[in-house]
N, C-alpha and C. Protein backbone atom coordinates (compact mmCIF):
# COMPACT_ATOMS: atom_id res chain seq x y z
N MET A 1 1.15 -1.45 -0.09
CA MET A 1 0.22 0.15 0.13
C MET A 1 0.80 1.35 -0.15
N GLY A 2 0.56 2.20 -0.71
CA GLY A 2 1.24 3.41 -1.06
C GLY A 2 1.18 4.38 0.28
N VAL A 3 2.13 4.95 0.71
CA VAL A 3 1.85 6.42 1.41
C VAL A 3 0.81 6.98 1.39
N ARG A 4 0.46 7.81 0.28
CA ARG A 4 -0.87 8.38 0.11
C ARG A 4 -1.98 7.60 0.47
N LYS A 5 -2.41 6.29 -0.27
CA LYS A 5 -3.64 5.19 0.15
C LYS A 5 -3.52 5.24 1.57
N HIS A 6 -2.59 5.00 2.50
CA HIS A 6 -2.12 4.88 4.21
C HIS A 6 -2.47 5.98 4.57
N ASN A 7 -2.29 7.07 4.20
CA ASN A 7 -2.67 8.33 5.04
C ASN A 7 -4.10 8.60 4.57
N MET A 8 -4.84 7.83 3.45
CA MET A 8 -6.39 8.35 3.39
C MET A 8 -7.23 7.57 3.98
N ALA A 9 -6.41 6.08 4.42
CA ALA A 9 -7.10 4.98 4.70
C ALA A 9 -7.40 5.80 6.82
N GLU A 10 -5.90 6.22 6.86
CA GLU A 10 -6.18 6.69 8.54
C GLU A 10 -7.18 8.21 8.88
N GLN A 11 -7.29 8.99 7.62
CA GLN A 11 -8.16 10.00 7.46
C GLN A 11 -9.76 9.03 7.52
N LEU A 12 -9.97 8.20 6.76
CA LEU A 12 -11.44 7.54 6.90
C LEU A 12 -11.79 7.13 8.24
N LYS A 13 -10.65 6.36 8.96
CA LYS A 13 -10.88 5.73 10.31
C LYS A 13 -11.04 7.33 11.49
N GLU A 14 -10.72 8.04 11.25
CA GLU A 14 -10.71 9.43 12.36
C GLU A 14 -12.39 9.75 12.18
N ALA A 15 -12.02 9.97 10.90
CA ALA A 15 -13.95 10.20 10.19
C ALA A 15 -14.95 9.51 10.55
N ARG A 16 -14.83 8.19 10.55
CA ARG A 16 -15.67 7.40 11.24
C ARG A 16 -15.74 6.95 12.62
N LYS A 17 -14.99 7.80 13.73
CA LYS A 17 -14.60 7.72 14.76
C LYS A 17 -15.66 8.24 15.65
N SER A 18 -15.92 9.95 15.16
CA SER A 18 -17.07 10.27 14.98
C SER A 18 -18.17 10.06 14.72
N LYS A 19 -18.61 9.66 13.82
CA LYS A 19 -19.85 9.04 13.49
C LYS A 19 -20.37 7.33 13.75
N ALA A 20 -21.43 7.49 14.50
CA ALA A 20 -21.91 6.12 14.54
C ALA A 20 -23.54 5.96 14.23
N PHE A 21 -23.88 4.74 13.53
CA PHE A 21 -25.31 4.85 13.00
C PHE A 21 -25.60 3.51 13.14
N ALA A 22 -27.09 3.19 13.12
CA ALA A 22 -27.97 2.36 13.57
C ALA A 22 -29.07 2.17 12.32
N LYS A 23 -29.35 1.25 12.12
CA LYS A 23 -30.53 0.56 10.92
C LYS A 23 -31.37 -0.54 11.81
N LEU A 24 -32.31 0.04 10.93
CA LEU A 24 -33.92 -0.86 11.17
C LEU A 24 -34.56 -0.95 10.04
N THR A 25 -34.45 -2.53 9.80
CA THR A 25 -35.11 -2.62 8.69
C THR A 25 -36.25 -3.83 8.71
N ASN A 26 -37.02 -3.93 7.94
CA ASN A 26 -38.37 -4.52 7.98
C ASN A 26 -39.55 -3.77 9.03
N CYS A 27 -39.41 -2.83 9.30
CA CYS A 27 -40.26 -2.41 10.90
C CYS A 27 -42.17 -2.53 10.13
N PRO A 28 -42.70 -3.03 10.61
CA PRO A 28 -44.05 -2.85 10.08
C PRO A 28 -44.90 -1.82 10.12
N THR A 29 -44.47 -0.62 10.09
CA THR A 29 -45.45 0.59 9.83
C THR A 29 -45.04 1.57 8.59
N SER A 30 -46.12 2.38 8.30
CA SER A 30 -45.94 2.53 6.76
C SER A 30 -44.61 3.47 6.89
N PRO A 31 -44.22 4.11 5.87
CA PRO A 31 -43.24 4.70 5.91
C PRO A 31 -43.51 6.38 6.31
N ARG A 32 -44.93 6.42 5.63
CA ARG A 32 -45.33 7.79 5.63
C ARG A 32 -45.44 8.04 7.47
N LYS A 33 -46.02 7.22 8.36
CA LYS A 33 -46.29 7.23 9.48
C LYS A 33 -44.60 7.54 10.03
N MET A 34 -43.77 6.84 9.95
CA MET A 34 -42.36 6.45 10.68
C MET A 34 -41.93 8.15 10.23
N ARG A 35 -41.93 8.83 9.45
CA ARG A 35 -41.43 10.15 8.39
C ARG A 35 -42.10 10.78 9.68
N LEU A 36 -43.19 10.68 9.93
CA LEU A 36 -43.72 12.03 10.57
C LEU A 36 -43.06 12.26 12.32
N VAL A 37 -42.26 11.10 12.75
CA VAL A 37 -41.93 10.97 13.70
C VAL A 37 -40.21 11.58 13.64
N ALA A 38 -39.81 11.00 12.70
CA ALA A 38 -38.46 10.96 12.04
C ALA A 38 -38.11 12.27 12.33
N ASP A 39 -39.32 13.58 11.42
CA ASP A 39 -38.82 14.42 11.47
C ASP A 39 -39.01 15.34 12.67
N LEU A 40 -39.52 14.66 14.15
CA LEU A 40 -39.06 15.82 15.01
C LEU A 40 -37.89 15.66 15.79
N VAL A 41 -36.94 14.38 15.25
CA VAL A 41 -35.68 14.48 16.01
C VAL A 41 -34.51 14.99 14.83
N ARG A 42 -34.65 14.64 13.67
CA ARG A 42 -33.99 15.39 13.10
C ARG A 42 -32.91 16.38 12.98
N GLY A 43 -31.62 16.49 13.77
CA GLY A 43 -30.96 17.84 14.08
C GLY A 43 -30.91 17.89 15.74
N VAL A 44 -31.42 17.26 16.33
CA VAL A 44 -31.80 17.69 17.62
C VAL A 44 -30.75 16.72 18.56
N GLU A 45 -30.00 17.20 19.75
CA GLU A 45 -29.17 16.53 20.26
C GLU A 45 -30.01 15.55 20.83
N VAL A 46 -29.11 14.59 20.98
CA VAL A 46 -29.61 13.00 21.66
C VAL A 46 -29.97 13.11 22.91
N GLU A 47 -29.89 13.73 23.79
CA GLU A 47 -30.70 13.70 25.43
C GLU A 47 -32.02 14.51 25.04
N LYS A 48 -32.30 15.73 24.36
CA LYS A 48 -33.41 15.89 24.06
C LYS A 48 -34.51 15.02 23.02
N ALA A 49 -33.92 14.12 21.87
CA ALA A 49 -34.51 13.32 20.84
C ALA A 49 -34.58 12.20 21.97
N LEU A 50 -34.31 12.00 22.62
CA LEU A 50 -34.88 10.89 23.79
C LEU A 50 -36.35 10.82 23.91
N GLN A 51 -36.23 12.28 25.24
CA GLN A 51 -37.07 12.79 25.33
C GLN A 51 -38.46 12.71 24.66
N ILE A 52 -38.16 13.54 23.61
CA ILE A 52 -39.19 13.75 22.35
C ILE A 52 -40.29 12.26 21.96
N LEU A 53 -39.18 11.50 22.31
CA LEU A 53 -39.61 9.76 21.28
C LEU A 53 -40.26 9.28 22.44
N LYS A 54 -39.94 9.66 23.86
CA LYS A 54 -40.38 8.91 25.26
C LYS A 54 -41.75 8.97 24.81
N PHE A 55 -41.88 10.84 25.01
CA PHE A 55 -43.45 11.51 25.46
C PHE A 55 -44.28 11.48 24.11
N SER A 56 -43.90 11.21 23.01
CA SER A 56 -44.69 10.91 21.92
C SER A 56 -45.54 10.09 21.95
N SER A 57 -46.60 10.74 21.04
CA SER A 57 -48.13 9.24 21.55
C SER A 57 -47.92 8.50 20.05
N LYS A 58 -47.08 8.64 19.24
CA LYS A 58 -47.20 7.79 18.20
C LYS A 58 -46.52 6.46 18.38
N GLU A 59 -47.25 5.77 17.74
CA GLU A 59 -46.61 4.09 17.85
C GLU A 59 -45.24 4.05 17.43
N ALA A 60 -45.02 4.75 16.52
CA ALA A 60 -43.55 4.78 15.71
C ALA A 60 -42.53 5.12 16.24
N SER A 61 -42.40 5.75 17.46
CA SER A 61 -41.46 6.61 18.13
C SER A 61 -40.98 5.43 19.09
N ILE A 62 -41.98 3.98 19.31
CA ILE A 62 -41.48 3.33 20.34
C ILE A 62 -39.66 2.58 19.66
N ASN A 63 -40.10 2.40 17.97
CA ASN A 63 -39.28 1.89 17.63
C ASN A 63 -38.15 2.87 17.21
N LEU A 64 -38.17 4.31 16.92
CA LEU A 64 -37.04 5.22 16.81
C LEU A 64 -36.45 4.91 18.38
N GLU A 65 -36.75 5.13 19.01
CA GLU A 65 -36.67 5.02 20.80
C GLU A 65 -35.36 3.65 20.75
N LYS A 66 -35.64 2.95 20.76
CA LYS A 66 -34.68 1.62 20.45
C LYS A 66 -33.30 2.09 19.59
N LEU A 67 -33.97 2.20 18.38
CA LEU A 67 -33.34 2.37 17.52
C LEU A 67 -31.78 3.79 17.35
N LEU A 68 -32.46 4.81 18.57
CA LEU A 68 -31.64 5.81 19.24
C LEU A 68 -30.58 5.53 20.23
N LEU A 69 -31.16 4.65 20.80
CA LEU A 69 -30.08 3.50 21.95
C LEU A 69 -28.99 2.87 21.05
N SER A 70 -29.40 2.40 20.41
CA SER A 70 -28.59 1.43 19.69
C SER A 70 -27.66 2.17 19.06
N ALA A 71 -28.11 3.47 18.55
CA ALA A 71 -27.01 4.14 17.81
C ALA A 71 -26.23 4.69 18.70
N ILE A 72 -26.34 5.00 20.05
CA ILE A 72 -25.47 5.65 20.88
C ILE A 72 -25.09 4.93 21.52
N ALA A 73 -25.38 3.54 21.47
CA ALA A 73 -24.77 2.14 22.16
C ALA A 73 -23.06 1.97 20.91
N ASN A 74 -23.53 1.93 19.73
CA ASN A 74 -22.71 2.00 18.64
C ASN A 74 -21.38 2.67 18.57
N TRP A 75 -21.90 4.19 18.86
CA TRP A 75 -20.71 5.32 18.84
C TRP A 75 -20.16 5.36 20.54
N GLN A 76 -20.54 4.62 21.63
CA GLN A 76 -19.72 4.28 22.79
C GLN A 76 -19.13 3.41 22.53
N ALA A 77 -19.28 2.04 21.79
CA ALA A 77 -18.27 1.10 21.34
C ALA A 77 -17.55 1.85 20.50
N LYS A 78 -17.14 2.51 19.63
CA LYS A 78 -15.82 3.36 18.64
C LYS A 78 -15.57 3.74 19.28
N ASN A 79 -16.29 4.72 20.51
CA ASN A 79 -15.10 5.99 21.68
C ASN A 79 -15.41 5.20 23.31
N GLU A 80 -14.76 4.34 23.12
CA GLU A 80 -14.85 4.10 24.63
C GLU A 80 -13.90 4.91 25.86
N ASP A 81 -12.87 5.81 25.12
CA ASP A 81 -12.06 6.51 26.16
C ASP A 81 -13.23 7.74 26.25
N ALA A 82 -13.89 8.07 25.50
CA ALA A 82 -14.84 9.23 25.26
C ALA A 82 -15.90 9.47 25.97
N PRO A 83 -16.02 10.77 26.99
CA PRO A 83 -17.05 10.26 27.90
C PRO A 83 -18.43 10.72 26.91
N ILE A 84 -19.55 10.22 27.29
CA ILE A 84 -20.80 10.87 25.97
C ILE A 84 -21.45 11.94 26.82
N GLU A 85 -21.03 12.68 27.73
CA GLU A 85 -21.61 13.74 28.10
C GLU A 85 -20.80 15.10 27.45
N GLU A 86 -19.59 15.35 27.11
CA GLU A 86 -18.83 15.81 27.02
C GLU A 86 -18.74 15.45 25.33
N ALA A 87 -19.34 15.04 24.67
CA ALA A 87 -19.27 14.60 23.18
C ALA A 87 -20.26 15.84 22.06
N GLY A 88 -20.89 16.04 23.02
CA GLY A 88 -22.19 16.79 22.40
C GLY A 88 -22.72 15.99 21.02
N LEU A 89 -23.20 15.08 21.28
CA LEU A 89 -24.09 13.78 20.10
C LEU A 89 -25.13 14.59 19.75
N TYR A 90 -25.43 14.68 18.63
CA TYR A 90 -26.75 14.76 17.59
C TYR A 90 -27.36 13.89 16.73
N VAL A 91 -28.34 13.94 16.34
CA VAL A 91 -28.90 13.20 15.35
C VAL A 91 -29.07 13.81 14.11
N LYS A 92 -27.59 12.83 13.76
CA LYS A 92 -26.90 14.19 12.14
C LYS A 92 -28.20 13.73 10.94
N SER A 93 -28.55 12.83 10.75
CA SER A 93 -29.27 12.17 9.59
C SER A 93 -30.16 11.45 9.96
N ILE A 94 -31.71 11.10 9.32
CA ILE A 94 -32.15 9.87 10.01
C ILE A 94 -32.71 9.61 8.43
N CYS A 95 -33.12 8.54 8.05
CA CYS A 95 -33.83 8.40 6.52
C CYS A 95 -34.32 7.09 6.63
N VAL A 96 -35.81 7.17 6.55
CA VAL A 96 -36.36 6.64 6.17
C VAL A 96 -37.47 6.08 4.76
N ASP A 97 -36.80 4.91 4.53
CA ASP A 97 -37.51 4.69 2.92
C ASP A 97 -38.10 3.00 2.99
N SER A 98 -38.80 2.93 1.95
CA SER A 98 -39.67 2.22 2.49
C SER A 98 -39.34 0.94 2.03
N ALA A 99 -39.95 -0.13 2.53
CA ALA A 99 -39.70 -1.69 2.02
C ALA A 99 -40.44 -2.44 1.48
N GLY A 100 -40.59 -3.64 1.08
CA GLY A 100 -41.63 -4.26 0.85
C GLY A 100 -42.60 -4.62 1.89
N MET A 101 -43.64 -4.69 0.63
CA MET A 101 -45.10 -4.70 0.86
C MET A 101 -45.90 -5.93 1.00
N LEU A 102 -46.87 -6.21 2.59
CA LEU A 102 -47.65 -7.39 2.24
C LEU A 102 -48.38 -7.49 1.72
N LYS A 103 -48.93 -8.30 0.52
CA LYS A 103 -50.34 -7.90 -0.26
C LYS A 103 -51.56 -8.81 -0.07
N ARG A 104 -52.35 -8.12 1.01
CA ARG A 104 -53.99 -9.21 1.18
C ARG A 104 -54.95 -9.04 0.63
N LEU A 105 -55.88 -9.75 0.38
CA LEU A 105 -57.48 -9.14 0.01
C LEU A 105 -58.38 -9.53 0.69
N ARG A 106 -58.89 -8.45 0.27
CA ARG A 106 -60.34 -8.11 1.85
C ARG A 106 -61.18 -8.26 0.60
N PRO A 107 -62.77 -9.22 1.74
CA PRO A 107 -63.75 -9.41 0.40
C PRO A 107 -64.52 -7.86 0.57
N ALA A 108 -64.92 -8.17 -0.77
CA ALA A 108 -66.04 -7.05 -0.87
C ALA A 108 -67.20 -7.38 -1.41
N PRO A 109 -68.36 -6.51 -1.88
CA PRO A 109 -69.24 -7.04 -1.97
C PRO A 109 -69.70 -7.61 -3.41
N GLN A 110 -70.33 -8.24 -3.89
CA GLN A 110 -70.75 -8.19 -5.02
C GLN A 110 -69.28 -10.26 -5.61
N GLY A 111 -68.91 -10.14 -4.67
CA GLY A 111 -67.96 -11.27 -4.98
C GLY A 111 -66.42 -11.03 -5.46
N ARG A 112 -66.45 -9.59 -5.39
CA ARG A 112 -65.29 -8.69 -5.56
C ARG A 112 -64.02 -9.15 -4.73
N ALA A 113 -63.36 -8.35 -4.52
CA ALA A 113 -61.81 -8.37 -3.48
C ALA A 113 -61.12 -7.01 -3.88
N HIS A 114 -60.87 -6.66 -2.74
CA HIS A 114 -60.09 -5.50 -2.59
C HIS A 114 -58.81 -5.55 -1.95
N ARG A 115 -57.96 -4.81 -2.65
CA ARG A 115 -56.50 -5.46 -2.28
C ARG A 115 -55.88 -4.84 -0.96
N ILE A 116 -55.41 -5.31 0.15
CA ILE A 116 -54.95 -4.53 1.35
C ILE A 116 -53.38 -4.61 0.69
N ARG A 117 -52.67 -3.13 0.96
CA ARG A 117 -51.15 -3.20 0.64
C ARG A 117 -50.82 -2.42 2.28
N LYS A 118 -49.84 -3.80 3.41
CA LYS A 118 -49.83 -3.68 4.75
C LYS A 118 -48.18 -3.39 4.32
N ARG A 119 -47.76 -1.94 4.70
CA ARG A 119 -46.30 -1.35 4.30
C ARG A 119 -45.58 -1.38 5.36
N SER A 120 -44.45 -1.60 5.17
CA SER A 120 -43.31 -1.53 5.87
C SER A 120 -41.86 -1.01 5.30
N ASN A 121 -41.02 -0.87 6.15
CA ASN A 121 -40.27 0.78 6.11
C ASN A 121 -38.67 0.26 6.41
N HIS A 122 -37.59 0.84 6.23
CA HIS A 122 -36.13 0.85 6.33
C HIS A 122 -35.22 2.15 7.16
N VAL A 123 -35.17 2.25 8.15
CA VAL A 123 -34.65 3.55 9.02
C VAL A 123 -33.36 3.59 9.06
N THR A 124 -32.82 4.13 8.89
CA THR A 124 -30.59 4.73 8.94
C THR A 124 -30.89 6.01 9.97
N LEU A 125 -29.98 5.52 11.06
CA LEU A 125 -30.12 6.92 11.88
C LEU A 125 -28.38 7.33 12.37
N GLU A 126 -27.92 8.10 11.50
CA GLU A 126 -26.56 8.28 12.43
C GLU A 126 -26.41 9.31 12.71
N LEU A 127 -25.39 9.49 13.84
CA LEU A 127 -25.33 10.36 15.07
C LEU A 127 -23.77 11.02 14.60
N GLY A 128 -23.80 12.60 15.02
CA GLY A 128 -22.95 13.29 15.04
C GLY A 128 -22.15 13.98 16.03
N SER A 129 -20.99 14.14 16.11
CA SER A 129 -20.40 14.75 17.62
C SER A 129 -19.95 16.01 17.17
N LYS A 130 -20.78 16.79 17.79
CA LYS A 130 -20.32 18.46 17.68
C LYS A 130 -18.86 18.92 18.68
N ASN A 131 -18.86 18.30 19.19
CA ASN A 131 -16.98 18.74 19.80
C ASN A 131 -16.20 17.43 19.25
N ILE A 132 -16.20 16.47 18.82
CA ILE A 132 -15.13 15.89 17.58
C ILE A 132 -15.00 16.73 16.62
N GLU A 133 -16.12 16.67 15.86
CA GLU A 133 -16.06 17.36 14.69
C GLU A 133 -15.29 18.52 14.60
N SER A 134 -15.51 19.91 15.51
CA SER A 134 -15.04 20.98 15.67
C SER A 134 -13.26 20.96 16.07
N LYS A 135 -12.95 19.48 16.31
CA LYS A 135 -11.34 19.74 16.41
C LYS A 135 -10.61 19.64 14.89
């Protein structure tokens, strides 16, 4: 490996240390409902985001709260020596994509059938650290 490639690899490792992410796949909630909750916590500090999700009445907030706690645990695993209070963690990006649909049939009058689409989604949450990025 050349010197330049080695230096680039070192820089990428340092950049990855400040970021931590978590993925939730095939969550059985429609993407539209999940995006309503995801928009509440995008760009917010971690402590405040946890409080928003904890006291939200939406069903999707339960899954997003677990996902955020998982992302925080992933950040702690990468940065064992750094205290979480001084890191200034915030929700850098949160992306909700649609996943596969379960298609069901519901009986309708006069021998017909209506199609029911049970939607699901994928969520990717990335954390950023304000104090580490400013250095």
